[in-house]
Amino acid sequence: MDERINNQLLDSVPDGVFTVDTAWRITSFNRAAEQITGVRRAEALGRPCCEVFRASICESACALKQTLATRRPVANKVVYIVNAQGERIPISISTAVLRDARGRIVGGVESFRDLRLVSELRRAAEQQDSFSNIIGRSAAMRRLFDLLPPVAESDSTVLLEGASGTGKELFARAIHELSRRRARKFVALNCGALPDTLLESELFGYKAGAFTDARKDKPGRFALAEGGTLFLDEIGDISPAMQTRLLRVLQERVYEPLGSVASVRADVRVIAATNKSLDQLVRDDKFREDLFYRVNVVRLELPALRDRREDVPLLIDHLVARFNRLKARDLAGVSDAVLARLMEYDFPGNVRELENIIEHAFVLCRSGLIEPAHLPPHLRTEGLPAPTGFPAGLTLAAMEKLLIRDALRRHQGNRAAAARELGVNPSTLFRKIKALGLSRSSRGS
C-alpha cells in the first residue's frame, strides 16, 4: 500500500497508533498519537519507542515486547505514559505482531486510547452519585442527601446513629461544610476511647496548676471548636458523671476548664454519633433521658451496607480509583467474579470493611483486574458457602433478583414501598418480580 495512503488511513483513526521495527524504532506515528503524547511525528520517527512514551511498563513489562516474544496480542491493558509536558496520562493499550507480505515478523503495532476523558466522565458520573465525599445512589442514601442541606442550615444538635463503618464522621463533616460554621473548625473526639479523667480534660481543657504536670493552660475541644462544630463519636459510651457535665454545656452553653472557677461560653454546634441504640440505653438506665433529648433534636439513621447493596459497585469503583492514586498503581477494577462475591456478602464491617478488602486486594494484585484469589481468605469462593445463602458467581440477572428480594424483605413484602426505595415505577417492579419468579415474596403488599 502507498505510504501516503497508509498514513491517511492511520490519521483517520481516533486512537493513537504507532508501529516499530524489530529494533524497537518507531516506523509510523499517527495524528492521534501526536495529540495524546505531545510529540510531533517527525520527532518520533526513528526513535526508540520507550524514549517517546515513557510508559509505566516500558522498563519492566513492555506489552509490545511480550507480544513479539509470545506472538499473543494484548488487549485493553491500562498503563500510564508521560507526555512531552511531563503530565502523567492514563491510556488503554492493545498490541499485535506486524508481518510483511510473506508472513515474516517485521515489527509490532500498538494502539492506545486516552483515558482522561473516560476519567472525567466517570468523575462527573460519581458527582451525580455522591454528596460531599459520601458515595451512594441507593434510595436510602438519596433520602439522607436530601435531608443534609436543611439539617446543616439549622444550628440544632444532631444525633447520627449507625453501625461501625457506616460513615458517621463523613456525614458530620458534610453537615459542617454545608453550614454557616464552615469557615471555622470541625473538631472530632472519640468519647469511647478515653477514661473519664482524660475525656474531661480533652473536652473542657485545663488551667495551669490544675493537677501535677499541668504547667500551662491547655484548651479543650470545645475551645478549639469555638464558632465551629464539635463531633462527639460513640457518645453512648460516656459515664453518668460525664453525661451530667455534657448536659450542662448543651443546656446552658457554658463550661469550666479543669482548675478554673470562671465559666466560659461555648458557641459550638454539637453533632453526636453512636453505634448503639440510645433509646435502649435510656430504658436500661445507662444513659440520661434529659441528655438523650438534648442530643436527639435531629436524628439521622445511617443504613448498613447490606441494606444499600446497590451502592457496592459504585463504592468499589471509587475505592479502586482512590487506591490507584494513593499507591500510584493502574489496576483496571474488579473481575465479574469478584463483583458477584462482594454483591452477595453481608459486610458486617460496612463501608470500612469494603475499604479494607480493596486495600488487601491492592497488596496482592500487581496489574489488571482484581480476581477472587486477591481477596481476603474468608471471601475466596472455593469451598465456602455464600454468607447470604446465594450461590457464588452471580449473573447480572441474579444480582437484580438479589436487590429486589432485599428491598421486599425490608418492606415486609410491600411492593409499592420497595418500588419507591429502588427508584422504579411500581408497574416495572411488578413485571420484574414476575419475570424473576419472586411472586411468592411479593405477597402481602
Protein backbone atom coordinates (compact mmCIF):
# COMPACT_ATOMS: atom_id res chain seq x y z
CA MET A 1 0.00 0.00 0.00
CA ASP A 2 1.23 3.53 -0.83
CA GLU A 3 2.81 5.09 2.31
CA ARG A 4 0.84 8.32 1.86
CA ILE A 5 -2.47 6.42 1.78
CA ASN A 6 -1.35 4.33 4.74
CA ASN A 7 -0.66 7.49 6.76
CA GLN A 8 -4.04 8.94 5.78
CA LEU A 9 -5.77 5.80 7.00
CA LEU A 10 -3.89 5.86 10.30
CA ASP A 11 -4.64 9.57 10.79
CA SER A 12 -8.36 8.88 10.42
CA VAL A 13 -8.27 6.56 13.45
CA PRO A 14 -9.30 8.33 16.72
CA ASP A 15 -6.92 6.18 18.80
CA GLY A 16 -3.18 6.69 18.85
CA VAL A 17 -1.36 4.16 16.63
CA PHE A 18 2.35 3.56 16.07
CA THR A 19 4.48 0.77 14.65
CA VAL A 20 8.03 -0.33 15.44
CA ASP A 21 10.60 -2.42 13.67
CA THR A 22 12.46 -5.32 15.26
CA ALA A 23 14.96 -2.83 16.77
CA TRP A 24 12.07 -1.06 18.58
CA ARG A 25 12.41 2.10 16.50
CA ILE A 26 9.18 3.86 15.55
CA THR A 27 8.32 3.50 11.86
CA SER A 28 4.88 5.20 11.83
CA PHE A 29 3.10 7.57 14.18
CA ASN A 30 -0.44 8.83 13.54
CA ARG A 31 -2.06 12.19 14.31
CA ALA A 32 -3.91 10.94 17.42
CA ALA A 33 -0.58 9.68 18.80
CA GLU A 34 0.83 13.19 18.32
CA GLN A 35 -2.10 14.75 20.17
CA ILE A 36 -2.00 12.35 23.13
CA THR A 37 1.78 12.33 23.63
CA GLY A 38 2.52 15.93 22.62
CA VAL A 39 5.34 14.59 20.41
CA ARG A 40 5.38 15.53 16.71
CA ARG A 41 5.54 12.72 14.16
CA ALA A 42 8.84 13.99 12.76
CA GLU A 43 10.38 13.86 16.23
CA ALA A 44 9.05 10.36 16.96
CA LEU A 45 10.02 8.56 13.75
CA GLY A 46 13.25 6.61 14.07
CA ARG A 47 13.44 6.93 17.86
CA PRO A 48 13.12 4.00 20.31
CA CYS A 49 9.50 3.83 21.48
CA CYS A 50 10.49 3.94 25.19
CA GLU A 51 12.01 7.43 24.63
CA VAL A 52 8.76 8.71 23.18
CA PHE A 53 6.27 7.15 25.57
CA ARG A 54 8.00 6.77 28.93
CA ALA A 55 5.19 4.41 29.94
CA SER A 56 4.79 2.79 33.36
CA ILE A 57 5.54 -0.61 31.84
CA CYS A 58 8.35 0.29 29.44
CA GLU A 59 11.21 -0.86 31.64
CA SER A 60 9.75 -3.97 33.27
CA ALA A 61 6.76 -5.29 31.35
CA CYS A 62 6.54 -3.81 27.87
CA ALA A 63 3.33 -5.14 26.33
CA LEU A 64 4.66 -4.87 22.78
CA LYS A 65 7.80 -6.79 23.75
CA GLN A 66 5.61 -9.52 25.31
CA THR A 67 3.54 -9.72 22.13
CA LEU A 68 6.60 -10.12 19.90
CA ALA A 69 8.04 -12.74 22.25
CA THR A 70 4.86 -14.80 22.64
CA ARG A 71 3.05 -13.95 19.36
CA ARG A 72 -0.03 -13.25 21.50
CA PRO A 73 -1.76 -9.86 21.29
CA VAL A 74 -2.54 -7.72 24.33
CA ALA A 75 -5.95 -6.06 24.56
CA ASN A 76 -7.04 -3.01 26.60
CA LYS A 77 -4.24 -3.02 29.17
CA VAL A 78 -4.37 0.10 31.35
CA VAL A 79 -0.99 1.86 31.81
CA TYR A 80 0.35 5.39 32.21
CA ILE A 81 2.58 7.42 29.92
CA VAL A 82 4.34 10.74 30.48
CA ASN A 83 3.69 13.23 27.70
CA ALA A 84 6.02 15.94 26.39
CA GLN A 85 4.78 18.36 29.07
CA GLY A 86 5.59 15.90 31.86
CA GLU A 87 1.94 15.06 32.56
CA ARG A 88 1.03 11.53 33.64
CA ILE A 89 -1.71 10.25 31.31
CA PRO A 90 -3.73 7.05 31.72
CA ILE A 91 -4.09 5.09 28.48
CA SER A 92 -5.52 1.75 27.39
CA ILE A 93 -3.19 -0.13 25.03
CA SER A 94 -3.59 -3.01 22.58
CA THR A 95 -0.71 -4.67 20.73
CA ALA A 96 -0.22 -7.06 17.83
CA VAL A 97 2.57 -8.55 15.71
CA LEU A 98 3.31 -6.78 12.39
CA ARG A 99 4.06 -9.07 9.42
CA ASP A 100 5.13 -8.42 5.85
CA ALA A 101 3.50 -9.85 2.71
CA ARG A 102 5.37 -13.15 3.18
CA GLY A 103 4.19 -13.55 6.78
CA ARG A 104 7.55 -12.73 8.32
CA ILE A 105 7.56 -10.69 11.55
CA VAL A 106 8.94 -7.22 10.81
CA GLY A 107 7.90 -5.45 13.99
CA GLY A 108 4.85 -4.65 16.08
CA VAL A 109 1.88 -2.31 16.16
CA GLU A 110 0.36 -0.68 19.22
CA SER A 111 -2.83 1.33 19.52
CA PHE A 112 -3.66 3.36 22.60
CA ARG A 113 -6.67 5.29 23.86
CA ASP A 114 -6.52 8.39 26.05
CA LEU A 115 -8.47 7.56 29.22
CA ARG A 116 -8.51 11.12 30.57
CA LEU A 117 -11.90 11.79 29.01
CA VAL A 118 -13.17 8.49 30.42
CA SER A 119 -11.86 9.51 33.85
CA GLU A 120 -13.53 12.91 33.58
CA LEU A 121 -16.82 11.32 32.59
CA ARG A 122 -16.51 8.84 35.46
CA ARG A 123 -15.83 11.68 37.90
CA ALA A 124 -18.85 13.55 36.56
CA ALA A 125 -20.96 10.42 36.99
CA GLU A 126 -19.65 9.98 40.52
CA GLN A 127 -20.63 13.55 41.32
CA GLN A 128 -24.16 12.58 40.40
CA ASP A 129 -23.92 9.71 42.90
CA SER A 130 -22.13 11.45 45.74
CA PHE A 131 -22.66 14.21 48.23
CA SER A 132 -19.76 15.93 49.96
CA ASN A 133 -17.49 12.85 49.54
CA ILE A 134 -20.25 10.43 50.58
CA ILE A 135 -20.83 7.82 47.87
CA GLY A 136 -24.25 6.35 47.17
CA ARG A 137 -27.07 6.20 44.66
CA SER A 138 -29.48 4.00 46.62
CA ALA A 139 -32.84 5.35 47.72
CA ALA A 140 -31.75 5.25 51.38
CA MET A 141 -28.69 7.40 50.67
CA ARG A 142 -30.59 9.81 48.43
CA ARG A 143 -33.08 10.39 51.25
CA LEU A 144 -30.16 11.30 53.52
CA PHE A 145 -28.66 13.55 50.85
CA ASP A 146 -31.98 15.39 50.64
CA LEU A 147 -32.00 15.90 54.43
CA LEU A 148 -28.44 17.18 54.80
CA PRO A 149 -28.90 20.77 53.47
CA PRO A 150 -31.85 21.70 55.73
CA VAL A 151 -30.20 19.98 58.71
CA ALA A 152 -26.98 21.92 58.04
CA GLU A 153 -28.81 25.25 57.77
CA SER A 154 -30.14 24.87 61.32
CA ASP A 155 -27.93 25.10 64.38
CA SER A 156 -29.62 22.23 66.20
CA THR A 157 -27.77 19.33 67.79
CA VAL A 158 -27.70 16.27 65.53
CA LEU A 159 -27.57 12.59 66.50
CA LEU A 160 -26.12 10.18 63.93
CA GLU A 161 -26.99 6.54 64.58
CA GLY A 162 -25.45 3.71 62.61
CA ALA A 163 -23.27 0.63 62.89
CA SER A 164 -19.48 0.97 62.92
CA GLY A 165 -18.09 1.71 59.48
CA THR A 166 -21.21 3.41 58.06
CA GLY A 167 -19.51 6.79 57.70
CA LYS A 168 -20.83 8.79 60.65
CA GLU A 169 -17.86 11.19 60.67
CA LEU A 170 -18.23 11.74 56.91
CA PHE A 171 -21.84 12.80 57.45
CA ALA A 172 -20.84 15.04 60.35
CA ARG A 173 -18.21 16.74 58.18
CA ALA A 174 -20.74 17.15 55.38
CA ILE A 175 -23.16 18.89 57.75
CA HIS A 176 -20.36 21.20 58.92
CA GLU A 177 -19.23 22.02 55.36
CA LEU A 178 -22.80 22.93 54.38
CA SER A 179 -23.44 25.05 57.48
CA ARG A 180 -22.78 28.70 58.23
CA ARG A 181 -19.97 27.47 60.53
CA ARG A 182 -17.91 26.02 57.67
CA ALA A 183 -15.30 28.81 57.89
CA ARG A 184 -14.44 27.69 61.45
CA LYS A 185 -13.01 24.40 62.69
CA PHE A 186 -14.52 20.92 62.63
CA VAL A 187 -13.17 19.11 65.72
CA ALA A 188 -13.73 15.39 66.36
CA LEU A 189 -13.36 13.34 69.52
CA ASN A 190 -13.97 9.62 70.11
CA CYS A 191 -15.58 9.57 73.55
CA GLY A 192 -15.47 5.79 73.86
CA ALA A 193 -11.68 5.66 73.62
CA LEU A 194 -10.92 7.71 76.78
CA PRO A 195 -11.43 7.24 80.54
CA ASP A 196 -13.36 9.95 82.40
CA THR A 197 -10.34 11.92 83.64
CA LEU A 198 -8.82 12.21 80.16
CA LEU A 199 -12.18 12.79 78.49
CA GLU A 200 -12.97 15.70 80.80
CA SER A 201 -9.67 17.45 80.09
CA GLU A 202 -9.97 16.72 76.37
CA LEU A 203 -13.47 18.24 76.24
CA PHE A 204 -13.08 21.23 78.55
CA GLY A 205 -9.33 21.80 78.79
CA TYR A 206 -7.48 22.78 81.97
CA LYS A 207 -5.69 25.67 83.64
CA ALA A 208 -2.04 25.66 84.66
CA GLY A 209 -1.67 24.05 88.10
CA ALA A 210 -4.96 22.13 87.89
CA PHE A 211 -3.01 18.91 88.53
CA THR A 212 0.53 17.59 88.54
CA ASP A 213 2.34 18.27 85.24
CA ALA A 214 -0.26 20.89 84.21
CA ARG A 215 2.42 23.54 83.66
CA LYS A 216 0.41 25.68 81.25
CA ASP A 217 -3.15 26.17 80.10
CA LYS A 218 -4.48 23.69 77.58
CA PRO A 219 -7.60 24.42 75.52
CA GLY A 220 -10.19 21.65 75.28
CA ARG A 221 -12.13 20.51 72.24
CA PHE A 222 -14.97 22.93 72.99
CA ALA A 223 -12.50 25.81 72.90
CA LEU A 224 -10.83 24.53 69.72
CA ALA A 225 -14.23 24.22 68.01
CA GLU A 226 -15.39 27.71 69.06
CA GLY A 227 -17.62 29.07 66.32
CA GLY A 228 -17.48 25.73 64.53
CA THR A 229 -18.62 22.14 65.01
CA LEU A 230 -17.71 19.54 67.64
CA PHE A 231 -18.25 15.91 66.64
CA LEU A 232 -18.61 13.56 69.61
CA ASP A 233 -18.32 9.98 68.40
CA GLU A 234 -19.54 7.00 70.47
CA ILE A 235 -21.44 9.25 72.87
CA GLY A 236 -23.30 6.20 74.21
CA ASP A 237 -20.09 5.06 75.94
CA ILE A 238 -19.58 8.01 78.28
CA SER A 239 -20.09 7.58 82.04
CA PRO A 240 -23.08 9.00 84.00
CA ALA A 241 -20.79 11.65 85.56
CA MET A 242 -19.62 12.88 82.16
CA GLN A 243 -23.18 12.79 80.90
CA THR A 244 -24.10 15.28 83.63
CA ARG A 245 -21.30 17.68 82.64
CA LEU A 246 -22.13 17.41 78.97
CA LEU A 247 -25.81 18.06 79.69
CA ARG A 248 -24.96 21.38 81.35
CA VAL A 249 -22.95 22.50 78.34
CA LEU A 250 -25.79 21.67 75.95
CA GLN A 251 -28.40 23.30 78.19
CA GLU A 252 -26.59 26.45 79.30
CA ARG A 253 -23.86 26.72 76.65
CA VAL A 254 -21.19 27.25 79.31
CA TYR A 255 -18.43 25.08 80.80
CA GLU A 256 -15.50 25.36 83.21
CA PRO A 257 -12.00 24.15 82.31
CA LEU A 258 -10.40 21.95 84.98
CA GLY A 259 -8.90 24.13 87.72
CA SER A 260 -10.92 27.19 86.72
CA VAL A 261 -13.62 28.97 88.73
CA ALA A 262 -14.83 31.06 85.78
CA SER A 263 -17.35 29.79 83.26
CA VAL A 264 -16.61 30.00 79.55
CA ARG A 265 -19.37 30.49 77.00
CA ALA A 266 -19.45 27.93 74.19
CA ASP A 267 -20.57 28.89 70.69
CA VAL A 268 -20.29 25.38 69.29
CA ARG A 269 -22.62 23.16 67.34
CA VAL A 270 -22.55 19.59 68.63
CA ILE A 271 -23.02 16.55 66.39
CA ALA A 272 -23.13 13.30 68.36
CA ALA A 273 -22.83 9.77 66.99
CA THR A 274 -23.32 6.28 68.33
CA ASN A 275 -23.31 2.70 67.10
CA LYS A 276 -25.73 1.78 69.89
CA SER A 277 -29.42 2.46 70.40
CA LEU A 278 -29.63 5.41 72.78
CA ASP A 279 -33.35 4.67 73.24
CA GLN A 280 -32.44 1.25 74.63
CA LEU A 281 -29.67 2.70 76.82
CA VAL A 282 -32.20 5.13 78.29
CA ARG A 283 -34.59 2.25 79.03
CA ASP A 284 -31.73 0.36 80.66
CA ASP A 285 -30.88 3.42 82.82
CA LYS A 286 -27.42 3.65 81.24
CA PHE A 287 -28.00 6.99 79.52
CA ARG A 288 -29.67 10.07 80.97
CA GLU A 289 -33.07 10.72 79.46
CA ASP A 290 -32.68 14.50 79.64
CA LEU A 291 -29.32 14.29 77.80
CA PHE A 292 -30.91 11.98 75.22
CA TYR A 293 -33.49 14.64 74.39
CA ARG A 294 -30.76 17.28 74.16
CA VAL A 295 -28.70 15.33 71.61
CA ASN A 296 -31.67 13.80 69.80
CA VAL A 297 -33.05 17.05 68.34
CA VAL A 298 -32.41 15.82 64.79
CA ARG A 299 -31.69 12.13 64.30
CA LEU A 300 -30.26 10.63 61.11
CA GLU A 301 -30.07 6.85 60.84
CA LEU A 302 -27.27 5.67 58.55
CA PRO A 303 -28.01 2.42 56.70
CA ALA A 304 -25.74 -0.60 56.85
CA LEU A 305 -24.06 -1.51 53.57
CA ARG A 306 -26.08 -4.74 53.30
CA ASP A 307 -29.22 -2.55 53.23
CA ARG A 308 -27.93 -0.49 50.30
CA ARG A 309 -26.32 -3.24 48.31
CA GLU A 310 -26.86 -1.40 45.03
CA ASP A 311 -24.14 1.06 46.15
CA VAL A 312 -21.46 -1.66 46.30
CA PRO A 313 -20.32 -1.40 42.61
CA LEU A 314 -20.13 2.40 42.89
CA LEU A 315 -18.13 2.20 46.11
CA ILE A 316 -15.77 -0.37 44.56
CA ASP A 317 -15.06 1.94 41.59
CA HIS A 318 -14.47 4.84 43.96
CA LEU A 319 -12.09 2.84 46.17
CA VAL A 320 -10.14 1.36 43.24
CA ALA A 321 -9.66 4.86 41.81
CA ARG A 322 -8.62 6.15 45.22
CA PHE A 323 -6.03 3.43 45.85
CA ASN A 324 -4.72 3.82 42.29
CA ARG A 325 -3.99 7.45 43.13
CA LEU A 326 -2.59 6.78 46.60
CA LYS A 327 -0.37 3.89 45.55
CA ALA A 328 0.50 5.12 42.02
CA ARG A 329 -0.98 1.96 40.55
CA ASP A 330 -3.09 1.28 37.46
CA LEU A 331 -5.45 -1.56 38.38
CA ALA A 332 -8.39 -1.65 35.99
CA GLY A 333 -11.00 -2.67 38.59
CA VAL A 334 -12.54 -5.93 39.79
CA SER A 335 -13.50 -9.00 37.79
CA ASP A 336 -17.10 -10.14 37.38
CA ALA A 337 -16.45 -12.98 39.84
CA VAL A 338 -15.18 -10.54 42.50
CA LEU A 339 -18.11 -8.19 41.94
CA ALA A 340 -20.52 -11.08 42.33
CA ARG A 341 -18.81 -12.24 45.53
CA LEU A 342 -18.91 -8.75 47.04
CA MET A 343 -22.51 -8.20 45.98
CA GLU A 344 -23.62 -11.26 47.93
CA TYR A 345 -21.51 -10.54 51.02
CA ASP A 346 -23.18 -9.02 54.12
CA PHE A 347 -20.34 -6.65 55.18
CA PRO A 348 -20.59 -6.75 58.98
CA GLY A 349 -17.92 -4.02 58.98
CA ASN A 350 -19.84 -1.93 56.42
CA VAL A 351 -18.00 0.53 54.14
CA ARG A 352 -14.87 0.41 56.29
CA GLU A 353 -14.67 -3.35 55.72
CA LEU A 354 -15.11 -2.92 51.96
CA GLU A 355 -12.27 -0.40 52.01
CA ASN A 356 -10.04 -2.90 53.83
CA ILE A 357 -10.97 -5.63 51.31
CA ILE A 358 -9.97 -3.45 48.34
CA GLU A 359 -6.73 -2.37 50.04
CA HIS A 360 -5.93 -6.06 50.74
CA ALA A 361 -6.50 -6.81 47.05
CA PHE A 362 -4.13 -3.99 46.05
CA VAL A 363 -1.37 -5.67 48.06
CA LEU A 364 -1.76 -8.98 46.19
CA CYS A 365 -2.81 -7.79 42.71
CA ARG A 366 0.03 -6.28 40.70
CA SER A 367 -1.83 -5.37 37.48
CA GLY A 368 -5.01 -5.86 35.51
CA LEU A 369 -8.21 -6.87 37.29
CA ILE A 370 -8.66 -7.84 40.93
CA GLU A 371 -9.56 -11.55 40.94
CA PRO A 372 -11.01 -13.80 43.70
CA ALA A 373 -7.51 -15.00 44.62
CA HIS A 374 -6.67 -11.42 45.65
CA LEU A 375 -9.50 -11.22 48.20
CA PRO A 376 -9.06 -11.94 51.93
CA PRO A 377 -9.30 -15.69 52.71
CA HIS A 378 -12.84 -15.56 54.11
CA LEU A 379 -14.10 -14.10 50.81
CA ARG A 380 -12.46 -16.56 48.43
CA THR A 381 -15.25 -18.64 46.99
CA GLU A 382 -13.50 -22.03 46.77
CA GLY A 383 -15.41 -24.37 49.03
CA LEU A 384 -17.06 -21.58 51.00
CA PRO A 385 -20.81 -21.16 51.33
CA ALA A 386 -22.14 -17.74 50.44
CA PRO A 387 -22.94 -15.88 53.67
CA THR A 388 -26.34 -14.68 52.47
CA GLY A 389 -27.44 -18.01 51.02
CA PHE A 390 -26.90 -17.01 47.37
CA PRO A 391 -24.66 -19.04 45.08
CA ALA A 392 -21.26 -17.65 44.20
CA GLY A 393 -20.74 -16.17 40.74
CA LEU A 394 -23.94 -14.15 40.38
CA THR A 395 -25.06 -13.08 36.93
CA LEU A 396 -26.44 -9.58 36.39
CA ALA A 397 -29.96 -11.03 36.48
CA ALA A 398 -29.20 -12.76 39.77
CA MET A 399 -27.85 -9.50 41.20
CA GLU A 400 -31.05 -7.74 40.16
CA LYS A 401 -33.06 -10.51 41.82
CA LEU A 402 -30.98 -10.15 44.98
CA LEU A 403 -31.56 -6.38 45.17
CA ILE A 404 -35.31 -6.71 44.60
CA ARG A 405 -35.60 -9.51 47.15
CA ASP A 406 -33.67 -7.43 49.71
CA ALA A 407 -35.98 -4.45 49.14
CA LEU A 408 -39.08 -6.64 49.51
CA ARG A 409 -37.66 -8.13 52.72
CA ARG A 410 -37.00 -4.69 54.20
CA HIS A 411 -40.60 -3.64 53.44
CA GLN A 412 -42.25 -6.90 54.57
CA GLY A 413 -43.35 -7.72 51.01
CA ASN A 414 -44.85 -4.28 50.28
CA ARG A 415 -44.15 -3.96 46.57
CA ALA A 416 -45.16 -0.30 46.29
CA ALA A 417 -42.76 0.67 49.11
CA ALA A 418 -40.00 -1.47 47.57
CA ALA A 419 -40.52 0.23 44.20
CA ARG A 420 -40.16 3.66 45.82
CA GLU A 421 -36.93 2.60 47.51
CA LEU A 422 -35.49 1.15 44.31
CA GLY A 423 -36.47 4.25 42.37
CA VAL A 424 -38.56 2.42 39.75
CA ASN A 425 -42.17 2.58 38.68
CA PRO A 426 -44.33 0.07 40.61
CA SER A 427 -45.57 -1.49 37.37
CA THR A 428 -41.93 -2.01 36.29
CA LEU A 429 -41.15 -3.70 39.57
CA PHE A 430 -44.24 -5.92 39.32
CA ARG A 431 -43.11 -7.11 35.87
CA LYS A 432 -39.60 -7.83 37.14
CA ILE A 433 -40.96 -9.70 40.16
CA LYS A 434 -42.99 -11.92 37.85
CA ALA A 435 -40.14 -12.40 35.37
CA LEU A 436 -37.65 -13.28 38.13
CA GLY A 437 -40.01 -15.69 39.86
CA LEU A 438 -40.39 -13.59 43.02
CA SER A 439 -44.18 -13.54 43.08
CA ARG A 440 -44.32 -15.51 46.35
CA SER A 441 -42.02 -12.95 48.02
CA SER A 442 -44.25 -10.08 46.97
CA ARG A 443 -47.48 -11.24 48.59
CA GLY A 444 -49.00 -9.11 51.26
CA SER A 445 -48.44 -5.76 49.55
